[in-house]
Amino acid sequence: MIGIIDIGGGMRGVYTSGIYDYLIDNNVKIDYCLGVSSGSGNLINYVAGQKGRCKKFYTDYAFDSDYMGVTALLKSGDFMNVDYIYSGICNTGGKDPLDYEALMKSDIRYTCVATDSKTAKPHYFTKEDFAQDNYEVLKAACALPLACRPVKIGDRKFYDGGVSDPIPIRKAFADGCDKVIVCITLPRDHRKDKIHWAANILLANHPRILNNILIMHHFYNNGISELLELEKEGKVLVVDPEECFGVNTIKRDKEGMEKLYQLGYRDGKRIEDFVNAAKTESK
């Protein structure tokens, strides 16, 4: 089984939107999808076969005042308004509804990760946890601790999955994948630094989440090193942008986003070649 992991990256996720449009255009079939943070929302479009939809969340909808920023904070209480993103836009009658029927009919396995706000442990959801016009799972998977409040599902509250399992390669293999493509949105030689001191104040009521936040750079840096070793062994393909054209987690720059999208579309060919080689190898 061939899997793909999208680890997200805020506005840099426009890079992987180009990848998925290439895969849809060229009928490249991935068996298993695992999303982290914004990667959870990105992969949904691939599974549902909605070409071009993912890109619009970055180049169009992200510029809505209700999406992210001071206006969103004043209206919703969250700097990034996941209710607007995954209900106001995605629901029936919204700006750009998710094709729920196509999503559920697809034989592609879909999983996304969220972080339990009490235990700071990962929790994995599947598309069977969705319902028509009820995409709370996506909200939970993308609820960044410093930008959003936790999202309640059942009797538990969740934050962004990147807090507990930012590069879930072991989960993909445990779920049965033989080969895994991992899409990252920073160049592979980039290493992260410790997060801003403000986390100590903003997350004081969630000590386990705070602890994870303070060591997230270690999670990421060690995870990338592990991926590169697995790539040498032929088990993994790491797909990364050569540059980000000034786009970062929250910076919205249409010119830079368009360049990053086009780069992703071009890099989709690397995935197609990897998938074809893996299928030939398994025969």
Protein backbone atom coordinates (compact mmCIF):
# COMPACT_ATOMS: atom_id res chain seq x y z
CA MET A 1 0.00 0.00 0.00
CA ILE A 2 1.31 3.43 -0.96
CA GLY A 3 0.60 6.31 1.41
CA ILE A 4 1.01 10.05 1.43
CA ILE A 5 1.47 12.32 4.45
CA ASP A 6 0.90 16.07 4.30
CA ILE A 7 2.36 17.75 7.37
CA GLY A 8 0.81 21.17 6.67
CA GLY A 9 2.53 24.50 7.16
CA GLY A 10 -0.07 27.26 7.21
CA MET A 11 -0.07 29.43 4.08
CA ARG A 12 2.82 27.37 2.66
CA GLY A 13 0.22 24.62 2.16
CA VAL A 14 -0.48 26.16 -1.23
CA TYR A 15 2.58 24.15 -2.33
CA THR A 16 0.85 20.83 -1.74
CA SER A 17 -2.36 22.10 -3.34
CA GLY A 18 -0.35 22.16 -6.57
CA ILE A 19 0.79 18.61 -5.94
CA TYR A 20 -2.79 17.33 -5.55
CA ASP A 21 -3.98 19.10 -8.68
CA TYR A 22 -1.20 17.35 -10.61
CA LEU A 23 -2.17 13.98 -9.13
CA ILE A 24 -5.83 14.50 -10.04
CA ASP A 25 -4.95 15.70 -13.56
CA ASN A 26 -2.77 12.65 -14.18
CA ASN A 27 -4.93 10.04 -12.42
CA VAL A 28 -2.21 9.18 -9.91
CA LYS A 29 -3.78 6.91 -7.30
CA ILE A 30 -2.55 6.95 -3.69
CA ASP A 31 -4.05 4.30 -1.42
CA TYR A 32 -3.77 6.03 1.95
CA CYS A 33 -3.76 9.70 2.99
CA LEU A 34 -2.68 11.03 6.39
CA GLY A 35 -3.02 14.73 7.14
CA VAL A 36 -1.47 16.92 9.80
CA SER A 37 -2.72 20.44 10.54
CA SER A 38 -3.64 22.24 7.29
CA GLY A 39 -2.50 19.12 5.47
CA SER A 40 -5.68 17.48 6.77
CA GLY A 41 -7.82 19.92 4.82
CA ASN A 42 -5.56 19.80 1.77
CA LEU A 43 -5.75 16.03 1.40
CA ILE A 44 -9.56 16.02 1.63
CA ASN A 45 -9.68 17.73 -1.75
CA TYR A 46 -7.50 15.04 -3.32
CA VAL A 47 -9.63 12.23 -1.85
CA ALA A 48 -12.83 13.94 -3.07
CA GLY A 49 -11.27 14.65 -6.47
CA GLN A 50 -11.99 18.39 -6.31
CA LYS A 51 -9.25 19.86 -8.49
CA GLY A 52 -8.48 23.54 -7.86
CA ARG A 53 -10.50 23.77 -4.67
CA CYS A 54 -7.55 23.51 -2.30
CA LYS A 55 -5.63 26.29 -4.03
CA LYS A 56 -8.54 28.73 -3.57
CA PHE A 57 -8.34 28.42 0.20
CA TYR A 58 -4.91 30.03 -0.01
CA THR A 59 -5.06 32.39 -2.96
CA ASP A 60 -8.68 33.55 -2.48
CA TYR A 61 -10.45 32.66 0.78
CA ALA A 62 -7.45 33.29 3.05
CA PHE A 63 -7.79 36.98 2.17
CA ASP A 64 -11.35 37.12 3.58
CA SER A 65 -11.48 39.16 6.77
CA ASP A 66 -13.37 36.31 8.48
CA TYR A 67 -10.68 33.76 7.67
CA MET A 68 -7.73 34.94 9.72
CA GLY A 69 -6.59 38.11 11.44
CA VAL A 70 -7.88 40.82 13.76
CA THR A 71 -11.41 40.84 12.32
CA ALA A 72 -11.65 37.08 12.65
CA LEU A 73 -10.41 37.33 16.24
CA LEU A 74 -12.98 39.98 17.17
CA LYS A 75 -15.84 38.05 15.56
CA SER A 76 -15.00 34.51 16.56
CA GLY A 77 -12.53 34.71 19.43
CA ASP A 78 -9.91 32.95 17.30
CA PHE A 79 -7.16 34.53 15.22
CA MET A 80 -7.72 31.73 12.69
CA ASN A 81 -11.46 31.12 12.38
CA VAL A 82 -11.78 27.38 11.77
CA ASP A 83 -15.59 27.63 11.99
CA TYR A 84 -15.60 29.95 8.98
CA ILE A 85 -13.07 27.83 7.08
CA TYR A 86 -14.64 24.41 7.63
CA SER A 87 -18.31 25.37 8.01
CA GLY A 88 -18.87 28.76 6.36
CA ILE A 89 -16.94 27.78 3.26
CA CYS A 90 -17.25 23.97 3.22
CA ASN A 91 -20.91 23.36 4.13
CA THR A 92 -23.76 23.00 1.67
CA GLY A 93 -24.65 26.53 0.55
CA GLY A 94 -21.20 27.81 1.54
CA LYS A 95 -18.69 29.53 -0.73
CA ASP A 96 -17.13 26.27 -1.88
CA PRO A 97 -18.82 23.13 -0.52
CA LEU A 98 -16.84 19.98 0.04
CA ASP A 99 -18.14 17.15 -2.18
CA TYR A 100 -19.11 14.96 0.74
CA GLU A 101 -20.64 12.26 -1.44
CA ALA A 102 -17.48 11.91 -3.54
CA LEU A 103 -15.35 11.88 -0.38
CA MET A 104 -17.31 9.02 1.13
CA LYS A 105 -17.49 7.02 -2.11
CA SER A 106 -13.73 7.19 -2.65
CA ASP A 107 -11.85 3.99 -1.84
CA ILE A 108 -8.85 6.02 -0.66
CA ARG A 109 -8.26 5.64 3.08
CA TYR A 110 -8.14 8.98 4.87
CA THR A 111 -6.81 9.73 8.35
CA CYS A 112 -5.98 12.96 10.15
CA VAL A 113 -4.42 13.59 13.53
CA ALA A 114 -5.53 15.90 16.34
CA THR A 115 -4.10 16.41 19.82
CA ASP A 116 -6.08 15.76 23.00
CA SER A 117 -5.97 19.03 24.97
CA LYS A 118 -5.71 17.26 28.35
CA THR A 119 -3.25 14.48 27.60
CA ALA A 120 -1.36 16.10 24.69
CA LYS A 121 -1.48 12.69 23.00
CA PRO A 122 -2.39 12.18 19.34
CA HIS A 123 -5.86 11.00 18.33
CA TYR A 124 -6.45 9.77 14.80
CA PHE A 125 -9.73 10.39 13.00
CA THR A 126 -10.91 8.93 9.69
CA LYS A 127 -13.40 10.18 7.12
CA GLU A 128 -15.99 7.95 8.80
CA ASP A 129 -15.91 10.49 11.64
CA PHE A 130 -17.29 13.12 9.24
CA ALA A 131 -20.94 13.79 8.49
CA GLN A 132 -22.55 15.97 5.84
CA ASP A 133 -21.92 19.60 6.87
CA ASN A 134 -20.20 18.46 10.06
CA TYR A 135 -16.46 18.83 9.69
CA GLU A 136 -15.52 19.31 13.34
CA VAL A 137 -12.72 16.80 12.86
CA LEU A 138 -10.98 19.12 10.39
CA LYS A 139 -11.44 22.05 12.77
CA ALA A 140 -9.83 20.05 15.56
CA ALA A 141 -6.96 18.86 13.37
CA CYS A 142 -6.16 22.47 12.39
CA ALA A 143 -6.74 24.31 15.70
CA LEU A 144 -3.30 25.83 16.28
CA PRO A 145 -2.85 26.40 20.03
CA LEU A 146 -1.61 29.99 19.73
CA ALA A 147 -4.24 30.97 17.15
CA CYS A 148 -7.34 29.00 18.15
CA ARG A 149 -9.24 27.64 21.09
CA PRO A 150 -9.47 23.84 21.30
CA VAL A 151 -12.34 22.22 19.39
CA LYS A 152 -14.80 20.03 21.26
CA ILE A 153 -15.71 16.64 19.82
CA GLY A 154 -17.84 14.50 22.10
CA ASP A 155 -16.60 15.00 25.64
CA ARG A 156 -13.04 15.86 24.64
CA LYS A 157 -11.31 18.93 23.28
CA PHE A 158 -8.60 18.89 20.63
CA TYR A 159 -5.83 21.02 19.23
CA ASP A 160 -3.81 20.82 16.02
CA GLY A 161 -2.33 17.37 15.37
CA GLY A 162 1.12 18.81 14.78
CA VAL A 163 1.44 19.39 18.53
CA SER A 164 1.61 15.65 19.23
CA ASP A 165 2.57 13.91 15.97
CA PRO A 166 3.97 16.45 13.48
CA ILE A 167 5.46 13.83 11.13
CA PRO A 168 3.39 10.64 11.63
CA ILE A 169 5.50 8.32 9.52
CA ARG A 170 5.29 5.51 12.07
CA LYS A 171 1.49 5.72 12.03
CA ALA A 172 1.49 5.32 8.23
CA PHE A 173 3.64 2.21 8.38
CA ALA A 174 1.60 0.81 11.29
CA ASP A 175 -1.55 1.24 9.20
CA GLY A 176 -0.09 -0.97 6.48
CA CYS A 177 1.84 1.28 4.12
CA ASP A 178 4.88 -0.19 2.37
CA LYS A 179 5.99 3.07 0.76
CA VAL A 180 5.20 6.57 1.95
CA ILE A 181 5.41 9.98 0.28
CA VAL A 182 5.87 12.80 2.80
CA CYS A 183 5.04 16.32 1.66
CA ILE A 184 6.72 19.05 3.67
CA THR A 185 6.42 22.77 3.01
CA LEU A 186 9.90 23.90 3.96
CA PRO A 187 13.14 22.93 2.20
CA ARG A 188 14.46 19.68 3.63
CA ASP A 189 17.59 21.32 5.02
CA HIS A 190 15.56 23.80 7.12
CA ARG A 191 15.56 23.23 10.87
CA LYS A 192 13.16 24.94 13.28
CA ASP A 193 13.94 26.96 16.41
CA LYS A 194 12.16 27.06 19.75
CA ILE A 195 8.74 28.71 19.62
CA HIS A 196 8.03 32.22 20.92
CA TRP A 197 7.96 32.91 24.66
CA ALA A 198 4.29 34.00 24.44
CA ALA A 199 3.28 30.33 24.53
CA ASN A 200 4.08 30.31 28.25
CA ILE A 201 1.33 32.86 28.87
CA LEU A 202 -1.26 31.81 26.30
CA LEU A 203 -1.14 28.10 27.16
CA ALA A 204 -0.72 28.32 30.92
CA ASN A 205 -3.99 26.40 31.44
CA HIS A 206 -2.84 23.54 29.23
CA PRO A 207 0.52 22.49 30.71
CA ARG A 208 0.91 19.31 28.68
CA ILE A 209 0.15 21.13 25.43
CA LEU A 210 2.59 23.87 26.46
CA ASN A 211 5.30 21.30 27.11
CA ASN A 212 4.83 19.85 23.65
CA ILE A 213 4.84 23.30 22.07
CA LEU A 214 8.14 24.15 23.74
CA ILE A 215 9.82 21.06 22.29
CA MET A 216 8.02 20.98 18.92
CA HIS A 217 11.17 22.09 17.13
CA HIS A 218 12.88 18.91 18.36
CA PHE A 219 9.93 16.78 17.14
CA TYR A 220 10.16 18.37 13.71
CA ASN A 221 13.94 18.42 13.35
CA ASN A 222 14.36 14.81 14.50
CA GLY A 223 11.45 13.75 12.31
CA ILE A 224 13.00 15.27 9.20
CA SER A 225 16.30 13.52 9.94
CA GLU A 226 14.44 10.21 10.28
CA LEU A 227 12.63 10.79 6.97
CA LEU A 228 15.86 11.46 5.12
CA GLU A 229 17.32 8.18 6.41
CA LEU A 230 14.20 6.29 5.31
CA GLU A 231 14.44 7.98 1.93
CA LYS A 232 17.95 6.58 1.49
CA GLU A 233 16.48 3.12 2.15
CA GLY A 234 13.86 3.64 -0.55
CA LYS A 235 10.91 3.45 1.86
CA VAL A 236 10.05 7.14 1.73
CA LEU A 237 9.96 9.95 -0.79
CA VAL A 238 10.34 13.41 0.74
CA VAL A 239 8.76 16.10 -1.45
CA ASP A 240 9.80 19.61 -0.49
CA PRO A 241 9.91 23.06 -2.13
CA GLU A 242 13.24 24.41 -3.30
CA GLU A 243 12.18 27.77 -1.87
CA CYS A 244 9.07 29.36 -0.35
CA PHE A 245 9.06 32.70 -2.21
CA GLY A 246 8.54 34.67 1.02
CA VAL A 247 5.41 32.75 2.04
CA ASN A 248 5.35 31.63 5.68
CA THR A 249 2.81 30.21 8.12
CA ILE A 250 0.56 33.29 8.19
CA LYS A 251 1.91 35.57 5.45
CA ARG A 252 -0.54 35.97 2.56
CA ASP A 253 1.21 36.99 -0.62
CA LYS A 254 -0.60 36.17 -3.86
CA GLU A 255 2.45 36.35 -6.10
CA GLY A 256 4.51 34.13 -3.80
CA MET A 257 1.61 31.72 -3.38
CA GLU A 258 1.16 31.36 -7.12
CA LYS A 259 4.85 30.56 -7.54
CA LEU A 260 4.70 28.04 -4.70
CA TYR A 261 1.60 26.42 -6.22
CA GLN A 262 3.29 26.08 -9.61
CA LEU A 263 6.34 24.56 -7.93
CA GLY A 264 4.09 22.03 -6.20
CA TYR A 265 2.35 21.16 -9.46
CA ARG A 266 5.73 20.53 -11.07
CA ASP A 267 6.88 18.39 -8.14
CA GLY A 268 3.80 16.23 -8.50
CA LYS A 269 5.73 14.45 -11.27
CA ARG A 270 8.18 13.18 -8.65
CA ILE A 271 5.30 11.51 -6.85
CA GLU A 272 3.95 9.99 -10.05
CA ASP A 273 7.36 8.50 -10.83
CA PHE A 274 7.71 7.15 -7.27
CA VAL A 275 4.25 5.56 -7.36
CA ASN A 276 4.88 3.94 -10.75
CA ALA A 277 8.24 2.57 -9.58
CA ALA A 278 6.68 1.20 -6.38
CA LYS A 279 3.94 -0.54 -8.33
CA THR A 280 6.47 -2.07 -10.72
CA GLU A 281 8.57 -3.24 -7.78
CA SER A 282 5.59 -4.96 -6.12
CA LYS A 283 4.73 -7.04 -9.21
